[in-house]
Protein backbone atom coordinates (compact mmCIF):
# COMPACT_ATOMS: atom_id res chain seq x y z
CA UNK A 1 -19.45 18.24 6.80
CA UNK A 2 -15.04 17.52 7.08
CA UNK A 3 -12.57 19.44 5.77
CA UNK A 4 -12.85 19.16 1.50
CA UNK A 5 -9.66 19.03 -1.06
CA UNK A 6 -9.66 19.24 -4.88
CA UNK A 7 -7.84 16.30 -6.17
CA UNK A 8 -6.80 17.02 -9.58
CA UNK A 9 -6.04 14.64 -12.79
CA UNK A 10 -2.03 14.44 -12.86
CA UNK A 11 -0.45 16.44 -16.03
CA UNK A 12 1.86 14.13 -16.60
CA UNK A 13 3.49 11.07 -15.34
CA UNK A 14 7.56 11.86 -16.48
CA UNK A 15 9.84 13.56 -13.76
CA UNK A 16 10.07 16.28 -15.38
CA UNK A 17 6.28 16.96 -15.53
CA UNK A 18 6.40 16.54 -11.59
CA UNK A 19 9.20 18.94 -10.70
CA UNK A 20 7.41 21.34 -13.37
CA UNK A 21 4.35 21.19 -11.07
CA UNK A 22 5.58 21.31 -7.87
CA UNK A 23 7.19 24.65 -9.51
CA UNK A 24 3.90 25.22 -9.96
CA UNK A 25 2.83 24.66 -6.33
CA UNK A 26 0.75 21.59 -7.53
CA UNK A 27 2.24 18.42 -5.36
CA UNK A 28 2.01 14.77 -7.48
CA UNK A 29 -0.38 12.35 -5.09
CA UNK A 30 -2.05 8.89 -5.73
CA UNK A 31 -4.67 7.61 -4.60
CA UNK A 32 -5.50 3.57 -3.64
CA UNK A 33 -8.41 1.70 -1.93
CA UNK A 34 -11.08 2.36 -4.26
CA UNK A 35 -10.87 -0.88 -5.62
CA UNK A 36 -8.23 -2.13 -7.77
CA UNK A 37 -7.89 1.27 -9.15
CA UNK A 38 -4.98 3.82 -8.11
CA UNK A 39 -5.34 7.33 -9.31
CA UNK A 40 -2.57 9.84 -10.32
CA UNK A 41 -3.20 12.95 -8.84
CA UNK A 42 -1.97 16.28 -8.15
CA UNK A 43 -3.22 18.74 -5.08
CA UNK A 44 -2.28 22.59 -4.52
CA UNK A 45 0.40 22.52 -2.28
CA UNK A 46 -0.95 25.99 -0.34
CA UNK A 47 -4.00 23.65 0.34
CA UNK A 48 -2.21 20.26 1.25
CA UNK A 49 -0.22 23.02 3.91
CA UNK A 50 -2.37 24.30 5.94
CA UNK A 51 -4.22 20.88 5.87
CA UNK A 52 -1.07 19.14 7.51
CA UNK A 53 -0.50 22.86 10.02
CA UNK A 54 -4.89 22.46 11.24
CA UNK A 55 -5.05 18.76 11.14
CA UNK A 56 -3.07 16.08 9.60
CA UNK A 57 -4.66 12.73 10.70
CA UNK A 58 -7.81 14.90 9.41
CA UNK A 59 -10.63 12.09 7.46
CA UNK A 60 -10.66 14.92 4.60
CA UNK A 61 -13.52 15.51 1.78
CA UNK A 62 -11.68 14.27 -1.60
CA UNK A 63 -13.40 15.38 -4.55
CA UNK A 64 -11.72 13.66 -7.57
CA UNK A 65 -11.68 14.76 -11.19
CA UNK A 66 -14.53 13.70 -12.32
CA UNK A 67 -16.79 14.98 -9.18
CA UNK A 68 -16.83 12.20 -6.76
CA UNK A 69 -16.70 13.13 -2.99
CA UNK A 70 -14.90 10.25 -0.93
CA UNK A 71 -13.81 10.65 2.54
CA UNK A 72 -9.74 9.87 2.68
CA UNK A 73 -6.77 10.04 4.57
CA UNK A 74 -3.67 11.24 4.55
CA UNK A 75 -1.41 7.94 4.53
CA UNK A 76 2.17 8.89 3.72
CA UNK A 77 4.02 11.86 2.67
CA UNK A 78 7.66 12.51 1.22
CA UNK A 79 9.42 15.58 1.73
CA UNK A 80 12.61 17.30 0.35
CA UNK A 81 15.30 15.65 3.20
CA UNK A 82 16.80 19.38 3.46
CA UNK A 83 14.07 21.59 2.97
CA UNK A 84 10.80 19.37 3.97
CA UNK A 85 9.30 21.02 1.48
CA UNK A 86 5.96 18.43 0.00
CA UNK A 87 7.26 15.98 -2.62
CA UNK A 88 4.57 13.38 -2.54
CA UNK A 89 1.49 12.74 -1.11
CA UNK A 90 0.04 8.94 -0.46
CA UNK A 91 -3.47 9.08 0.42
CA UNK A 92 -5.85 6.55 1.15
CA UNK A 93 -9.93 5.67 0.63
CA UNK A 94 -11.72 5.72 4.55
CA UNK A 95 -14.10 2.91 4.45
CA UNK A 96 -16.25 4.83 6.85
CA UNK A 97 -18.29 1.34 7.89
CA UNK A 98 -15.52 -0.18 9.14
CA UNK A 99 -12.99 0.73 12.32
CA UNK A 100 -9.95 1.88 11.20
CA UNK A 101 -6.50 2.48 13.86
CA UNK A 102 -5.06 5.99 13.76
CA UNK A 103 -2.70 7.98 15.83
CA UNK A 104 -4.51 11.31 18.29
CA UNK A 105 -2.10 13.80 19.04
CA UNK A 106 -2.55 15.34 22.91
CA UNK A 107 -2.64 18.71 23.71
CA UNK A 108 -1.74 19.16 28.00
CA UNK A 109 -2.69 22.07 28.69
CA UNK A 110 -2.12 23.71 32.13
CA UNK A 111 0.71 24.67 34.22
CA UNK A 112 1.43 21.64 36.37
CA UNK A 113 1.53 22.32 40.34
CA UNK A 114 5.07 20.40 40.71
CA UNK A 115 6.69 22.70 38.41
CA UNK A 116 5.13 25.65 39.82
CA UNK A 117 7.23 24.56 42.89
CA UNK A 118 9.75 23.89 41.22
CA UNK A 119 9.78 20.68 39.61
CA UNK A 120 10.69 20.06 35.35
CA UNK A 121 8.63 18.28 33.32
CA UNK A 122 8.91 16.12 30.61
CA UNK A 123 6.72 15.12 27.75
CA UNK A 124 7.70 11.55 26.80
CA UNK A 125 4.61 10.95 24.30
CA UNK A 126 2.37 13.39 22.34
CA UNK A 127 0.39 10.92 20.44
CA UNK A 128 -1.80 7.54 21.56
CA UNK A 129 -3.11 4.96 18.71
CA UNK A 130 -6.09 4.21 18.62
CA UNK A 131 -8.83 2.39 17.14
CA UNK A 132 -12.47 3.26 15.76
CA UNK A 133 -14.81 4.27 13.86
CA UNK A 134 -13.80 7.01 10.62
CA UNK A 135 -16.89 9.38 11.90
CA UNK A 136 -15.63 8.79 16.22
CA UNK A 137 -12.18 9.38 14.75
CA UNK A 138 -10.95 12.52 17.50
CA UNK A 139 -9.26 15.81 15.76
CA UNK A 140 -7.46 16.21 19.56
CA UNK A 141 -7.40 15.53 22.85
CA UNK A 142 -6.54 17.73 25.48
CA UNK A 143 -5.78 17.43 29.06
CA UNK A 144 -5.61 19.15 32.01
CA UNK A 145 -2.18 18.64 34.00
CA UNK A 146 -2.34 21.47 37.14
CA UNK A 147 -3.06 18.84 39.43
CA UNK A 148 0.20 16.78 38.63
CA UNK A 149 2.68 17.51 41.66
CA UNK A 150 7.16 17.68 41.71
CA UNK A 151 6.80 13.30 41.26
CA UNK A 152 4.45 12.09 40.05
CA UNK A 153 3.46 11.12 36.06
CA UNK A 154 0.42 10.63 33.43
CA UNK A 155 -0.06 7.22 32.05
CA UNK A 156 -1.78 6.17 28.65
CA UNK A 157 -4.61 4.73 31.13
CA UNK A 158 -4.81 7.88 32.52
CA UNK A 159 -6.53 9.78 29.33
CA UNK A 160 -10.15 9.23 29.34
CA UNK A 161 -11.61 8.99 25.65
CA UNK A 162 -14.91 8.50 24.62
CA UNK A 163 -16.97 5.45 24.43
CA UNK A 164 -16.49 3.13 20.65
CA UNK A 165 -12.39 4.58 20.83
CA UNK A 166 -10.43 1.54 21.85
CA UNK A 167 -6.71 2.82 23.34
CA UNK A 168 -3.66 0.51 20.82
CA UNK A 169 -0.93 2.25 22.29
CA UNK A 170 0.52 -0.05 25.62
CA UNK A 171 -1.80 1.29 28.65
CA UNK A 172 1.33 1.45 31.42
CA UNK A 173 3.56 4.22 29.02
CA UNK A 174 3.86 6.86 30.55
CA UNK A 175 3.25 10.33 28.72
CA UNK A 176 4.78 13.14 31.37
CA UNK A 177 6.76 12.84 34.13
CA UNK A 178 6.95 15.33 36.66
CA UNK A 179 10.74 15.63 38.06
CA UNK A 180 11.44 16.37 41.22
CA UNK A 181 14.65 19.31 41.71
CA UNK A 182 16.86 18.11 44.31
CA UNK A 183 18.57 21.35 46.18
CA UNK A 184 22.69 21.26 46.26
CA UNK A 185 23.98 21.53 49.89
CA UNK A 186 26.77 24.36 49.62
């Protein structure tokens, strides 16, 4: 179950070692949250990019150099400013028996009635902050907006999550607005 990623021992600690690793498709990384130890690691850039494309907030099954498999999540990503190329990844061990805070991406499905009649759709928020057990964390949430008419809005409080998920984002926050188009008088 889950997405697996191989966490390899880092080949060197100097800047030149890290740059050489990047040229060879390996990204320097660290793993926090496993007691007092912090592990210096490397991951394959291609694997990491695929994970970030498919579900950047997924709880991963990280295989450490000593063959231990543990639940981890991406805590922080450092990218090169101009190119966006991955420079460094911080992973954090996930305790599966304690609730955690995370963000859930919201995908909007359907075409709003208000847009069909000439209104303008404005998306103000694409994700919400939630608290839940790691095993209950949804990868994404899909919301059908086809019933929204001109002048309507979708609030965070309109989202319906499964039991056990507490929404931390302010429930009054507007996620989507359908604005009416005013006709100009000639």
